[in-house]
Amino acid sequence: MTWLYAGLALLTVAAVIAVLYRPFGDYIAWVYTSPKDWRIERGFYRLIGVDSRSEQTWRSYLGSVLAVSAVGLLIVYAMQRLQPWLPYSLGLPAPSEHLSFNTAASFVGNTNWQSYSPELTLGYTVQLAGLAVQNFVSATVGIAVAVALMRGFAHRRSGTIGNFWVDLTRGILRILLPISAIGAIVLMIGGVIQNFNGFTEISTVTGAAQSIPGGPTASQEAIKLLGTNGGGFFNANSAHPFENPTAWTNLVEILLMLIIPFALPRVFGRIVGDNRQGYAILAVMGSLYAASFTILTALETAGRGTAPELAGSAMEGKEQRFGIIGSTLFATTSTGTSTGAVNSMHDSYTALGGMMPMVNMMLGEVTPGGVGSGVYAMLVLAIIAVFISGLLIGRTPEYLGKKIGPREIKLAALYILVMPTLVLAGTALSFALPGVREEVESTSIWNPGIHGMSEVLYAFTSAANNNGSAFAGLTANTPWLNTALGLAILLGRFVPIVFVLALAGSLAAQGKVPATAGTLPTHRPLFVGLLAAVTVLVTALTFFPVLALGPLAEGLM
């Protein structure tokens, strides 16, 4: 019966995605290729002094990305430090310097890692004017970078990859704002709260006093999921009944996380003029997503251990209203994208079950990945796959008519190396530096031993991949972890973007190489299998040793 429910849940998600794939993908492609600007957009361009008809080189495009992100970082940091003087602060004090830095870096970096309890730390002004705004901006930055890379494949000897300010404006106004508004209304119908009530004091049935928080939750819930951001309005995130009340709102939230990442391969196919290329990327993303969900569900339903076997399943840390299937489907979606929202506690999963969300992130979050970041990561892996195939047949590799030469493969390789370096270095330093190790082991880790090591590994994996979920047994609100994780977030977000945009510029400067009998078809099942294998092998070769020290060791004990 469990597998019947699992199959029905997966088929429901797949059916909705299949229905939306073409029309929604075509709409997004139109947004980024239409020559016409809306009146409100033209007014904004005049305000900031931008010519919407001019295109940028990759260096200029990168400068715009970094400028917007740097300004956002400073604004969110300042708002937190000035919180006591802001309206609707709810009487809450200012967060510490290191926590404010971590939070600002997290929301600007599309990570939304939270080292704090939101309802007890941040007032409504910071939540709405600071964090929610960055949910829109950071998500649109990811889509813009992905579209810029797509233009790199499509353009011929132009050296330009679009206009960032146009991409940013259109992404917010034409995609994220209208869909998140509809999503918020649907969630409110389902019972998600939306108010400015502050804290309400009530008496419980036992006569005790309890303070119930309110807040503008539905509006932030919609964009946190649609933009694969993930930060919860409440500490329990999407496990909280005010954020995710029922089984059907749970399904709506899963679909919100998936609709843009799964539509972007269609956008890729439209922009490069070959929809078959989009279907090939979609096939890899979808097959890895289905495999991850199946494995995680099998591990959690097996429920190895005394308590799960007595209870009939591994329900610790899961909500009864979602059950095993609703929890594992949400976890697979959240960590397969860069969302990081949770409706169950990953730290309470079985040892091998808890490893699967970690592996989803270690794959580079390409199943299907975050908004924009998933498809550009998969395209980088496609370049690696094409390069490997070129070595096997002894000819210069090509992808969509563009030669993959030394410059392109160096940029792709550097992209691949960034995330593992941050994850492994951050984890190692947390245990290798004497003063830091004492702080981590005495203050942060609640579960000493192998599981404690897994908690730290999960934290740096989440930060470097801009995910934001956590093994919640780790107390991360310390000077070391706030600073180290904040830096991992910024480096894990923007260093890969540098390489992606440089790659886009290099491709855009090339002409088109005509296909020959020796050209590898990149739309057929052979290439789909090769790309999936490269994705898995790169992760396995990089992370198997550290996984063997953590969740694998714990699961095999």
Protein backbone atom coordinates (compact mmCIF):
# COMPACT_ATOMS: atom_id res chain seq x y z
CA MET A 1 0.00 0.00 0.00
CA THR A 2 2.88 2.36 0.82
CA TRP A 3 4.37 1.91 -2.64
CA LEU A 4 0.99 2.47 -4.22
CA TYR A 5 0.76 5.83 -2.46
CA ALA A 6 4.34 6.62 -3.46
CA GLY A 7 3.62 5.81 -7.08
CA LEU A 8 0.45 7.87 -7.11
CA ALA A 9 2.22 10.84 -5.50
CA LEU A 10 5.06 10.71 -8.02
CA LEU A 11 2.67 10.29 -10.95
CA THR A 12 0.58 13.24 -9.76
CA VAL A 13 3.63 15.49 -9.64
CA ALA A 14 4.86 14.18 -13.00
CA ALA A 15 1.45 14.73 -14.61
CA VAL A 16 1.22 18.35 -13.48
CA ILE A 17 4.79 19.05 -14.59
CA ALA A 18 4.09 17.40 -17.96
CA VAL A 19 1.00 19.54 -18.51
CA LEU A 20 2.85 22.76 -17.61
CA TYR A 21 6.18 21.98 -19.30
CA ARG A 22 5.47 23.30 -22.78
CA PRO A 23 3.15 26.27 -22.12
CA PHE A 24 5.02 27.53 -19.06
CA GLY A 25 8.44 26.95 -20.63
CA ASP A 26 7.32 28.76 -23.77
CA TYR A 27 6.05 31.63 -21.66
CA ILE A 28 9.38 31.99 -19.82
CA ALA A 29 11.22 31.85 -23.15
CA TRP A 30 8.96 34.63 -24.45
CA VAL A 31 9.68 36.73 -21.35
CA TYR A 32 13.40 36.69 -22.07
CA THR A 33 13.24 37.02 -25.86
CA SER A 34 10.37 39.47 -26.41
CA PRO A 35 11.54 42.77 -27.97
CA LYS A 36 8.76 44.73 -26.24
CA ASP A 37 9.01 46.30 -22.79
CA TRP A 38 6.03 46.96 -20.56
CA ARG A 39 5.31 50.55 -19.57
CA ILE A 40 6.27 49.96 -15.94
CA GLU A 41 9.51 48.37 -17.11
CA ARG A 42 10.38 51.35 -19.32
CA GLY A 43 9.82 53.65 -16.36
CA PHE A 44 12.22 51.61 -14.23
CA TYR A 45 14.88 51.62 -16.97
CA ARG A 46 14.66 55.41 -17.23
CA LEU A 47 14.96 55.67 -13.45
CA ILE A 48 18.20 53.66 -13.30
CA GLY A 49 19.53 54.97 -16.63
CA VAL A 50 19.56 51.70 -18.56
CA ASP A 51 19.08 51.26 -22.29
CA SER A 52 17.02 48.09 -22.58
CA ARG A 53 18.08 47.61 -26.21
CA SER A 54 21.80 47.40 -25.44
CA GLU A 55 23.43 44.07 -24.60
CA GLN A 56 26.30 43.42 -22.19
CA THR A 57 29.49 41.44 -22.39
CA TRP A 58 29.91 38.73 -19.78
CA ARG A 59 32.13 40.98 -17.66
CA SER A 60 29.58 43.78 -17.66
CA TYR A 61 26.77 41.31 -16.95
CA LEU A 62 28.76 39.87 -14.03
CA GLY A 63 29.44 43.34 -12.67
CA SER A 64 25.71 44.04 -12.61
CA VAL A 65 24.97 40.75 -10.84
CA LEU A 66 27.58 41.45 -8.18
CA ALA A 67 26.46 45.06 -7.72
CA VAL A 68 22.82 44.12 -7.11
CA SER A 69 23.85 41.36 -4.72
CA ALA A 70 26.30 43.54 -2.79
CA VAL A 71 23.70 46.26 -2.28
CA GLY A 72 21.19 43.65 -1.14
CA LEU A 73 23.71 42.22 1.32
CA LEU A 74 24.35 45.61 2.90
CA ILE A 75 20.65 46.51 3.10
CA VAL A 76 19.58 43.25 4.76
CA TYR A 77 22.48 43.42 7.21
CA ALA A 78 21.69 47.03 8.13
CA MET A 79 17.98 46.33 8.58
CA GLN A 80 18.72 43.58 11.06
CA ARG A 81 21.14 45.67 13.08
CA LEU A 82 18.65 48.56 13.13
CA GLN A 83 15.63 46.37 13.88
CA PRO A 84 14.69 47.93 17.28
CA TRP A 85 14.07 51.28 15.52
CA LEU A 86 12.02 49.86 12.65
CA PRO A 87 8.19 49.70 12.62
CA TYR A 88 6.60 46.31 13.33
CA SER A 89 9.74 45.11 15.08
CA LEU A 90 7.49 43.40 17.68
CA GLY A 91 9.86 44.60 20.40
CA LEU A 92 12.58 42.20 19.25
CA PRO A 93 16.25 43.15 19.70
CA ALA A 94 18.83 43.35 16.93
CA PRO A 95 20.53 40.06 16.02
CA SER A 96 24.27 39.81 16.69
CA GLU A 97 26.80 40.94 14.10
CA HIS A 98 27.75 37.42 13.02
CA LEU A 99 24.14 36.25 12.85
CA SER A 100 23.15 39.34 10.83
CA PHE A 101 25.99 38.66 8.39
CA ASN A 102 25.02 35.01 8.05
CA THR A 103 21.35 35.85 7.44
CA ALA A 104 22.13 38.60 4.92
CA ALA A 105 24.53 36.36 3.01
CA SER A 106 22.03 33.51 3.12
CA PHE A 107 19.07 35.39 1.63
CA VAL A 108 21.15 37.27 -0.95
CA GLY A 109 22.74 33.95 -1.95
CA ASN A 110 19.35 32.22 -2.48
CA THR A 111 20.19 29.88 0.42
CA ASN A 112 17.94 31.01 3.29
CA TRP A 113 19.93 29.10 5.88
CA GLN A 114 18.55 30.15 9.26
CA SER A 115 20.65 29.92 12.42
CA TYR A 116 17.77 31.37 14.45
CA SER A 117 14.08 30.98 15.25
CA PRO A 118 12.44 33.45 12.82
CA GLU A 119 9.32 34.21 14.86
CA LEU A 120 11.46 35.02 17.92
CA THR A 121 14.24 36.93 16.13
CA LEU A 122 12.94 39.05 13.25
CA GLY A 123 10.05 41.52 13.09
CA TYR A 124 7.69 41.99 10.17
CA THR A 125 9.62 44.84 8.52
CA VAL A 126 12.82 42.82 8.25
CA GLN A 127 10.87 39.76 7.10
CA LEU A 128 8.95 41.64 4.39
CA ALA A 129 11.18 44.51 3.28
CA GLY A 130 14.42 42.61 3.73
CA LEU A 131 14.11 38.85 3.41
CA ALA A 132 11.06 38.60 1.13
CA VAL A 133 12.51 41.16 -1.30
CA GLN A 134 15.70 39.11 -1.56
CA ASN A 135 13.60 36.02 -2.19
CA PHE A 136 12.50 37.70 -5.42
CA VAL A 137 15.84 39.24 -6.36
CA SER A 138 18.10 36.25 -5.66
CA ALA A 139 15.77 33.86 -7.48
CA THR A 140 15.65 36.14 -10.53
CA VAL A 141 19.44 36.41 -10.54
CA GLY A 142 19.64 32.62 -10.89
CA ILE A 143 17.22 32.55 -13.81
CA ALA A 144 19.03 35.46 -15.48
CA VAL A 145 22.41 33.72 -15.29
CA ALA A 146 20.91 30.54 -16.75
CA VAL A 147 19.34 32.46 -19.64
CA ALA A 148 22.66 34.25 -20.24
CA LEU A 149 24.38 30.86 -20.64
CA MET A 150 21.65 29.73 -23.02
CA ARG A 151 22.26 32.85 -25.10
CA GLY A 152 25.94 31.95 -25.16
CA PHE A 153 25.04 28.76 -27.03
CA ALA A 154 22.58 30.56 -29.30
CA HIS A 155 24.56 33.70 -30.25
CA ARG A 156 27.05 33.69 -33.10
CA ARG A 157 30.22 35.80 -32.77
CA SER A 158 28.40 38.48 -30.79
CA GLY A 159 30.38 38.39 -27.55
CA THR A 160 27.26 39.60 -25.73
CA ILE A 161 24.85 37.61 -23.54
CA GLY A 162 21.92 39.97 -22.94
CA ASN A 163 21.14 42.78 -20.54
CA PHE A 164 21.06 41.86 -16.84
CA TRP A 165 18.81 44.75 -15.83
CA VAL A 166 16.19 43.73 -18.38
CA ASP A 167 16.44 40.08 -17.32
CA LEU A 168 16.11 41.01 -13.64
CA THR A 169 13.12 43.30 -14.18
CA ARG A 170 11.23 40.92 -16.43
CA GLY A 171 11.89 37.93 -14.20
CA ILE A 172 10.39 39.67 -11.18
CA LEU A 173 7.46 41.42 -12.86
CA ARG A 174 6.43 38.84 -15.43
CA ILE A 175 7.19 35.53 -13.68
CA LEU A 176 7.72 35.58 -9.93
CA LEU A 177 5.29 38.29 -8.81
CA PRO A 178 2.14 37.06 -10.56
CA ILE A 179 2.69 33.37 -9.81
CA SER A 180 3.62 33.97 -6.17
CA ALA A 181 0.50 36.13 -5.74
CA ILE A 182 -1.67 33.30 -7.06
CA GLY A 183 0.24 30.80 -4.93
CA ALA A 184 -0.27 32.90 -1.80
CA ILE A 185 -4.03 33.06 -2.39
CA VAL A 186 -4.20 29.28 -2.88
CA LEU A 187 -2.24 28.72 0.32
CA MET A 188 -4.51 31.09 2.26
CA ILE A 189 -7.50 29.11 1.02
CA GLY A 190 -5.75 26.05 2.42
CA GLY A 191 -5.31 27.64 5.84
CA VAL A 192 -1.92 29.36 5.73
CA ILE A 193 -2.13 32.53 7.81
CA GLN A 194 -1.65 36.09 6.53
CA ASN A 195 -1.95 38.83 9.15
CA PHE A 196 -0.07 41.41 11.22
CA ASN A 197 -1.35 40.25 14.61
CA GLY A 198 1.99 39.90 16.34
CA PHE A 199 1.87 37.62 19.36
CA THR A 200 -1.50 36.53 20.76
CA GLU A 201 -1.66 35.40 24.38
CA ILE A 202 -4.03 32.49 25.01
CA SER A 203 -4.87 30.05 27.80
CA THR A 204 -4.45 26.37 26.99
CA VAL A 205 -6.89 23.63 28.02
CA THR A 206 -4.69 22.98 31.05
CA GLY A 207 -4.87 26.63 32.10
CA ALA A 208 -1.29 27.51 31.11
CA ALA A 209 -0.48 30.71 29.22
CA GLN A 210 0.89 30.44 25.67
CA SER A 211 2.03 33.04 23.14
CA ILE A 212 0.92 32.28 19.57
CA PRO A 213 2.79 34.14 16.78
CA GLY A 214 1.04 35.47 13.70
CA GLY A 215 2.41 37.21 10.64
CA PRO A 216 2.25 37.67 6.85
CA THR A 217 3.12 34.03 6.20
CA ALA A 218 1.31 33.01 2.99
CA SER A 219 2.96 35.74 0.90
CA GLN A 220 6.43 34.70 2.04
CA GLU A 221 5.65 30.99 1.82
CA ALA A 222 4.71 31.27 -1.85
CA ILE A 223 7.87 33.05 -2.99
CA LYS A 224 10.16 31.04 -0.73
CA LEU A 225 9.04 27.91 -2.62
CA LEU A 226 8.53 29.32 -6.11
CA GLY A 227 11.97 30.94 -6.04
CA THR A 228 13.55 27.84 -4.42
CA ASN A 229 14.61 30.02 -1.50
CA GLY A 230 13.35 28.01 1.48
CA GLY A 231 13.50 30.25 4.54
CA GLY A 232 10.60 29.63 6.89
CA PHE A 233 8.49 32.30 8.56
CA PHE A 234 8.47 29.98 11.58
CA ASN A 235 11.28 27.87 12.98
CA ALA A 236 9.53 24.60 12.06
CA ASN A 237 9.40 25.80 8.43
CA SER A 238 6.89 23.94 6.26
CA ALA A 239 6.23 21.44 9.06
CA HIS A 240 4.43 24.25 10.92
CA PRO A 241 0.63 24.11 10.49
CA PHE A 242 0.54 27.89 9.90
CA GLU A 243 2.82 27.40 6.87
CA ASN A 244 1.63 24.03 5.56
CA PRO A 245 -1.67 22.94 7.13
CA THR A 246 -2.84 19.94 5.08
CA ALA A 247 -1.79 17.17 2.73
CA TRP A 248 -3.07 19.07 -0.32
CA THR A 249 -1.22 22.28 0.58
CA ASN A 250 1.85 20.05 0.92
CA LEU A 251 1.39 18.95 -2.70
CA VAL A 252 0.89 22.56 -3.81
CA GLU A 253 4.14 23.55 -2.11
CA ILE A 254 6.02 20.68 -3.78
CA LEU A 255 4.72 21.79 -7.18
CA LEU A 256 5.70 25.41 -6.50
CA MET A 257 9.27 24.26 -5.95
CA LEU A 258 9.36 22.26 -9.18
CA ILE A 259 7.50 24.23 -11.84
CA ILE A 260 10.25 26.70 -12.78
CA PRO A 261 13.27 24.34 -12.58
CA PHE A 262 11.49 21.71 -14.69
CA ALA A 263 10.30 24.33 -17.21
CA LEU A 264 13.75 25.80 -17.83
CA PRO A 265 14.95 22.91 -20.07
CA ARG A 266 12.11 23.89 -22.40
CA VAL A 267 13.40 27.47 -22.31
CA PHE A 268 16.85 26.13 -23.23
CA GLY A 269 15.43 24.23 -26.19
CA ARG A 270 13.52 27.27 -27.41
CA ILE A 271 16.46 29.67 -27.14
CA VAL A 272 18.95 27.37 -28.91
CA GLY A 273 16.33 26.47 -31.52
CA ASP A 274 16.15 22.74 -30.81
CA ASN A 275 13.48 21.53 -28.39
CA ARG A 276 15.01 18.04 -28.40
CA GLN A 277 17.96 19.40 -26.41
CA GLY A 278 15.55 20.54 -23.71
CA TYR A 279 13.91 17.12 -23.56
CA ALA A 280 17.33 15.48 -23.11
CA ILE A 281 18.17 17.71 -20.13
CA LEU A 282 14.66 17.16 -18.73
CA ALA A 283 15.08 13.38 -19.00
CA VAL A 284 18.26 13.42 -16.93
CA MET A 285 16.76 15.69 -14.29
CA GLY A 286 13.53 13.69 -14.08
CA SER A 287 15.16 10.26 -13.92
CA LEU A 288 17.56 11.28 -11.15
CA TYR A 289 14.70 12.90 -9.22
CA ALA A 290 12.54 9.76 -9.45
CA ALA A 291 15.47 7.53 -8.45
CA SER A 292 16.28 9.68 -5.41
CA PHE A 293 12.66 9.70 -4.23
CA THR A 294 12.39 5.92 -4.65
CA ILE A 295 15.59 5.22 -2.70
CA LEU A 296 14.73 7.64 0.12
CA THR A 297 11.22 6.24 0.46
CA ALA A 298 12.56 2.66 0.53
CA LEU A 299 15.06 3.53 3.26
CA GLU A 300 12.47 5.32 5.41
CA THR A 301 9.75 2.70 5.03
CA ALA A 302 12.25 -0.06 5.87
CA GLY A 303 12.69 1.72 9.19
CA ARG A 304 15.78 -0.06 10.48
CA GLY A 305 16.18 0.33 14.22
CA THR A 306 14.28 -0.67 17.37
CA ALA A 307 11.98 2.35 17.62
CA PRO A 308 10.94 2.42 13.92
CA GLU A 309 10.30 -1.34 13.91
CA LEU A 310 8.08 -1.08 17.01
CA ALA A 311 6.20 1.89 15.54
CA GLY A 312 5.82 0.24 12.14
CA SER A 313 7.72 3.01 10.31
CA ALA A 314 10.33 5.71 10.87
CA MET A 315 7.90 8.48 11.87
CA GLU A 316 10.18 10.36 14.26
CA GLY A 317 10.46 13.96 13.09
CA LYS A 318 7.62 13.58 10.59
CA GLU A 319 4.10 15.00 10.70
CA GLN A 320 1.17 12.58 10.79
CA ARG A 321 -0.73 14.74 8.30
CA PHE A 322 1.97 14.11 5.68
CA GLY A 323 3.17 10.61 6.55
CA ILE A 324 6.23 8.91 5.09
CA ILE A 325 5.39 9.60 1.43
CA GLY A 326 4.49 13.26 1.89
CA SER A 327 7.69 13.74 3.87
CA THR A 328 10.09 11.93 1.55
CA LEU A 329 8.59 13.55 -1.57
CA PHE A 330 8.99 16.99 0.02
CA ALA A 331 12.54 16.22 1.18
CA THR A 332 13.56 14.95 -2.26
CA THR A 333 12.10 18.04 -3.89
CA SER A 334 13.58 20.46 -1.38
CA THR A 335 17.13 19.10 -1.61
CA GLY A 336 16.93 18.23 -5.31
CA THR A 337 16.18 21.88 -5.89
CA SER A 338 18.00 24.57 -3.93
CA THR A 339 14.96 25.29 -1.76
CA GLY A 340 15.95 23.86 1.63
CA ALA A 341 12.42 24.11 3.03
CA VAL A 342 11.46 21.14 5.22
CA ASN A 343 8.20 19.54 6.30
CA SER A 344 10.02 16.91 8.35
CA MET A 345 13.26 16.90 10.28
CA HIS A 346 16.03 15.38 8.15
CA ASP A 347 18.13 14.91 11.28
CA SER A 348 15.54 12.38 12.50
CA TYR A 349 15.58 10.27 9.34
CA THR A 350 17.23 6.86 9.45
CA ALA A 351 20.99 7.03 9.01
CA LEU A 352 20.97 6.03 5.34
CA GLY A 353 17.72 7.90 4.72
CA GLY A 354 19.30 11.09 6.05
CA MET A 355 22.16 10.55 3.63
CA MET A 356 19.88 10.88 0.59
CA PRO A 357 19.02 14.60 1.01
CA MET A 358 22.75 15.15 1.45
CA VAL A 359 23.51 13.24 -1.75
CA ASN A 360 20.87 15.26 -3.63
CA MET A 361 22.82 18.39 -2.75
CA MET A 362 26.20 16.80 -3.48
CA LEU A 363 24.99 16.02 -7.00
CA GLY A 364 25.08 19.79 -7.48
CA GLU A 365 21.33 20.20 -7.06
CA VAL A 366 20.47 19.27 -10.63
CA THR A 367 17.41 17.12 -9.87
CA PRO A 368 16.06 19.51 -11.13
CA GLY A 369 18.04 22.16 -9.21
CA GLY A 370 17.19 25.67 -8.16
CA VAL A 371 15.58 28.31 -10.36
CA GLY A 372 18.27 28.89 -12.95
CA SER A 373 21.11 27.29 -11.00
CA GLY A 374 19.84 23.78 -11.75
CA VAL A 375 19.81 24.10 -15.50
CA TYR A 376 23.11 25.98 -15.75
CA ALA A 377 24.76 23.35 -13.53
CA MET A 378 23.38 20.62 -15.77
CA LEU A 379 24.64 22.41 -18.87
CA VAL A 380 28.12 22.59 -17.35
CA LEU A 381 27.93 18.85 -16.69
CA ALA A 382 26.78 18.38 -20.29
CA ILE A 383 29.95 20.12 -21.46
CA ILE A 384 31.99 17.73 -19.30
CA ALA A 385 30.09 14.78 -20.78
CA VAL A 386 30.67 16.01 -24.33
CA PHE A 387 34.37 16.48 -23.57
CA ILE A 388 34.66 12.92 -22.25
CA SER A 389 32.92 11.54 -25.32
CA GLY A 390 35.28 13.54 -27.52
CA LEU A 391 38.26 11.93 -25.80
CA LEU A 392 36.76 8.49 -26.39
CA ILE A 393 36.34 8.97 -30.14
CA GLY A 394 39.49 11.06 -30.61
CA ARG A 395 38.05 14.32 -31.96
CA THR A 396 37.46 17.87 -30.77
CA PRO A 397 34.24 17.87 -28.73
CA GLU A 398 31.32 20.04 -29.83
CA TYR A 399 28.05 20.94 -28.15
CA LEU A 400 25.24 22.61 -30.08
CA GLY A 401 27.63 23.75 -32.76
CA LYS A 402 30.15 25.24 -30.33
CA LYS A 403 33.64 23.83 -29.91
CA ILE A 404 34.54 22.81 -26.38
CA GLY A 405 38.17 23.87 -26.30
CA PRO A 406 40.70 24.33 -23.50
CA ARG A 407 39.12 27.55 -22.23
CA GLU A 408 35.62 26.08 -22.04
CA ILE A 409 36.68 22.87 -20.33
CA LYS A 410 38.84 24.76 -17.81
CA LEU A 411 35.88 26.95 -16.87
CA ALA A 412 33.61 23.91 -16.57
CA ALA A 413 36.17 22.06 -14.45
CA LEU A 414 36.66 25.05 -12.14
CA TYR A 415 32.90 25.28 -11.74
CA ILE A 416 32.73 21.62 -10.71
CA LEU A 417 35.53 22.03 -8.14
CA VAL A 418 34.11 25.01 -6.24
CA MET A 419 31.37 23.27 -4.27
CA PRO A 420 33.34 20.18 -3.14
CA THR A 421 36.23 22.39 -2.05
CA LEU A 422 33.96 24.51 0.13
CA VAL A 423 32.16 21.50 1.61
CA LEU A 424 35.21 19.45 2.43
CA ALA A 425 37.38 22.38 3.56
CA GLY A 426 34.66 23.81 5.79
CA THR A 427 33.95 20.44 7.42
CA ALA A 428 37.65 19.70 7.89
CA LEU A 429 38.45 23.09 9.41
CA SER A 430 35.55 22.75 11.86
CA PHE A 431 37.25 19.69 13.34
CA ALA A 432 40.91 20.49 12.65
CA LEU A 433 41.34 23.95 14.17
CA PRO A 434 41.79 23.48 17.95
CA GLY A 435 39.74 26.47 19.17
CA VAL A 436 37.06 25.95 16.56
CA ARG A 437 36.78 22.22 17.28
CA GLU A 438 36.19 22.89 20.95
CA GLU A 439 33.45 25.40 20.11
CA VAL A 440 31.77 23.05 17.64
CA GLU A 441 31.92 19.95 19.84
CA SER A 442 30.91 21.68 23.08
CA THR A 443 28.35 24.19 21.78
CA SER A 444 27.02 23.14 18.38
CA ILE A 445 26.85 19.35 18.18
CA TRP A 446 24.04 17.79 20.18
CA ASN A 447 24.80 14.25 18.99
CA PRO A 448 28.52 13.48 19.46
CA GLY A 449 30.23 10.84 17.40
CA ILE A 450 29.50 9.82 13.82
CA HIS A 451 26.13 11.57 13.64
CA GLY A 452 27.67 14.81 14.90
CA MET A 453 30.15 14.66 12.06
CA SER A 454 27.24 14.15 9.64
CA GLU A 455 25.51 17.24 11.04
CA VAL A 456 28.52 19.44 10.30
CA LEU A 457 29.00 17.86 6.86
CA TYR A 458 25.32 18.45 6.06
CA ALA A 459 25.60 22.09 7.14
CA PHE A 460 28.50 22.89 4.81
CA THR A 461 26.94 20.87 1.99
CA SER A 462 23.75 22.88 2.39
CA ALA A 463 25.60 26.20 2.54
CA ALA A 464 27.94 25.61 -0.41
CA ASN A 465 25.04 24.42 -2.56
CA ASN A 466 22.80 27.36 -1.57
CA ASN A 467 20.19 24.96 -0.20
CA GLY A 468 19.52 26.04 3.38
CA SER A 469 18.12 22.85 4.94
CA ALA A 470 19.85 21.44 8.01
CA PHE A 471 20.34 18.51 10.32
CA ALA A 472 18.64 20.48 13.06
CA GLY A 473 20.58 18.83 15.86
CA LEU A 474 23.40 21.25 15.02
CA THR A 475 23.30 24.59 16.84
CA ALA A 476 24.72 26.89 14.18
CA ASN A 477 24.24 30.26 15.90
CA THR A 478 27.88 30.57 16.98
CA PRO A 479 30.58 32.97 15.77
CA TRP A 480 32.48 30.26 13.84
CA LEU A 481 29.56 28.57 12.10
CA ASN A 482 27.73 31.81 11.31
CA THR A 483 30.87 33.25 9.73
CA ALA A 484 32.15 30.10 8.02
CA LEU A 485 28.75 29.11 6.66
CA GLY A 486 28.07 32.68 5.53
CA LEU A 487 31.32 32.72 3.56
CA ALA A 488 30.56 29.26 2.11
CA ILE A 489 27.17 30.58 0.97
CA LEU A 490 28.62 33.63 -0.79
CA LEU A 491 31.49 31.74 -2.40
CA GLY A 492 29.24 28.81 -3.32
CA ARG A 493 26.83 31.17 -5.04
CA PHE A 494 28.94 33.77 -6.79
CA VAL A 495 32.19 32.01 -7.73
CA PRO A 496 30.29 29.47 -9.89
CA ILE A 497 28.33 32.35 -11.43
CA VAL A 498 31.65 33.93 -12.47
CA PHE A 499 32.63 30.75 -14.31
CA VAL A 500 29.18 30.30 -15.88
CA LEU A 501 29.10 33.85 -17.25
CA ALA A 502 32.70 33.58 -18.48
CA LEU A 503 31.70 30.35 -20.23
CA ALA A 504 28.67 32.09 -21.73
CA GLY A 505 30.89 34.89 -23.05
CA SER A 506 33.35 32.42 -24.54
CA LEU A 507 30.59 30.50 -26.31
CA ALA A 508 28.88 33.66 -27.57
CA ALA A 509 32.12 34.80 -29.20
CA GLN A 510 32.28 31.64 -31.33
CA GLY A 511 30.64 30.92 -34.64
CA LYS A 512 28.73 27.73 -35.34
CA VAL A 513 30.56 24.56 -36.34
CA PRO A 514 28.55 22.46 -38.80
CA ALA A 515 27.60 18.99 -37.63
CA THR A 516 29.45 16.07 -39.24
CA ALA A 517 29.26 12.29 -39.11
CA GLY A 518 31.54 12.37 -36.07
CA THR A 519 29.38 14.81 -34.08
CA LEU A 520 27.82 13.27 -30.99
CA PRO A 521 24.01 13.68 -31.07
CA THR A 522 23.15 15.29 -27.73
CA HIS A 523 19.41 14.68 -27.86
CA ARG A 524 19.37 10.87 -27.95
CA PRO A 525 19.14 8.31 -25.12
CA LEU A 526 22.86 7.54 -25.38
CA PHE A 527 23.78 11.08 -24.37
CA VAL A 528 21.07 11.15 -21.70
CA GLY A 529 22.62 8.04 -20.13
CA LEU A 530 26.13 9.46 -20.45
CA LEU A 531 25.14 12.75 -18.81
CA ALA A 532 23.36 10.96 -15.94
CA ALA A 533 26.41 8.74 -15.41
CA VAL A 534 28.80 11.70 -15.38
CA THR A 535 26.60 13.49 -12.83
CA VAL A 536 26.59 10.50 -10.48
CA LEU A 537 30.25 9.56 -10.96
CA VAL A 538 31.58 13.06 -10.30
CA THR A 539 29.67 13.10 -7.01
CA ALA A 540 30.65 9.55 -6.02
CA LEU A 541 34.34 10.05 -6.68
CA THR A 542 34.36 13.31 -4.75
CA PHE A 543 32.23 12.57 -1.71
CA PHE A 544 32.26 8.81 -1.11
CA PRO A 545 35.18 8.95 1.38
CA VAL A 546 33.54 11.57 3.61
CA LEU A 547 30.15 9.84 3.37
CA ALA A 548 31.88 6.65 4.51
CA LEU A 549 32.99 8.48 7.65
CA GLY A 550 29.49 9.83 8.36
CA PRO A 551 26.08 8.50 7.32
CA LEU A 552 27.35 5.31 5.65
CA ALA A 553 29.30 4.34 8.75
CA GLU A 554 26.31 5.13 10.97
CA GLY A 555 23.88 3.23 8.76
CA LEU A 556 26.03 0.10 8.61
CA MET A 557 26.68 -0.08 12.34
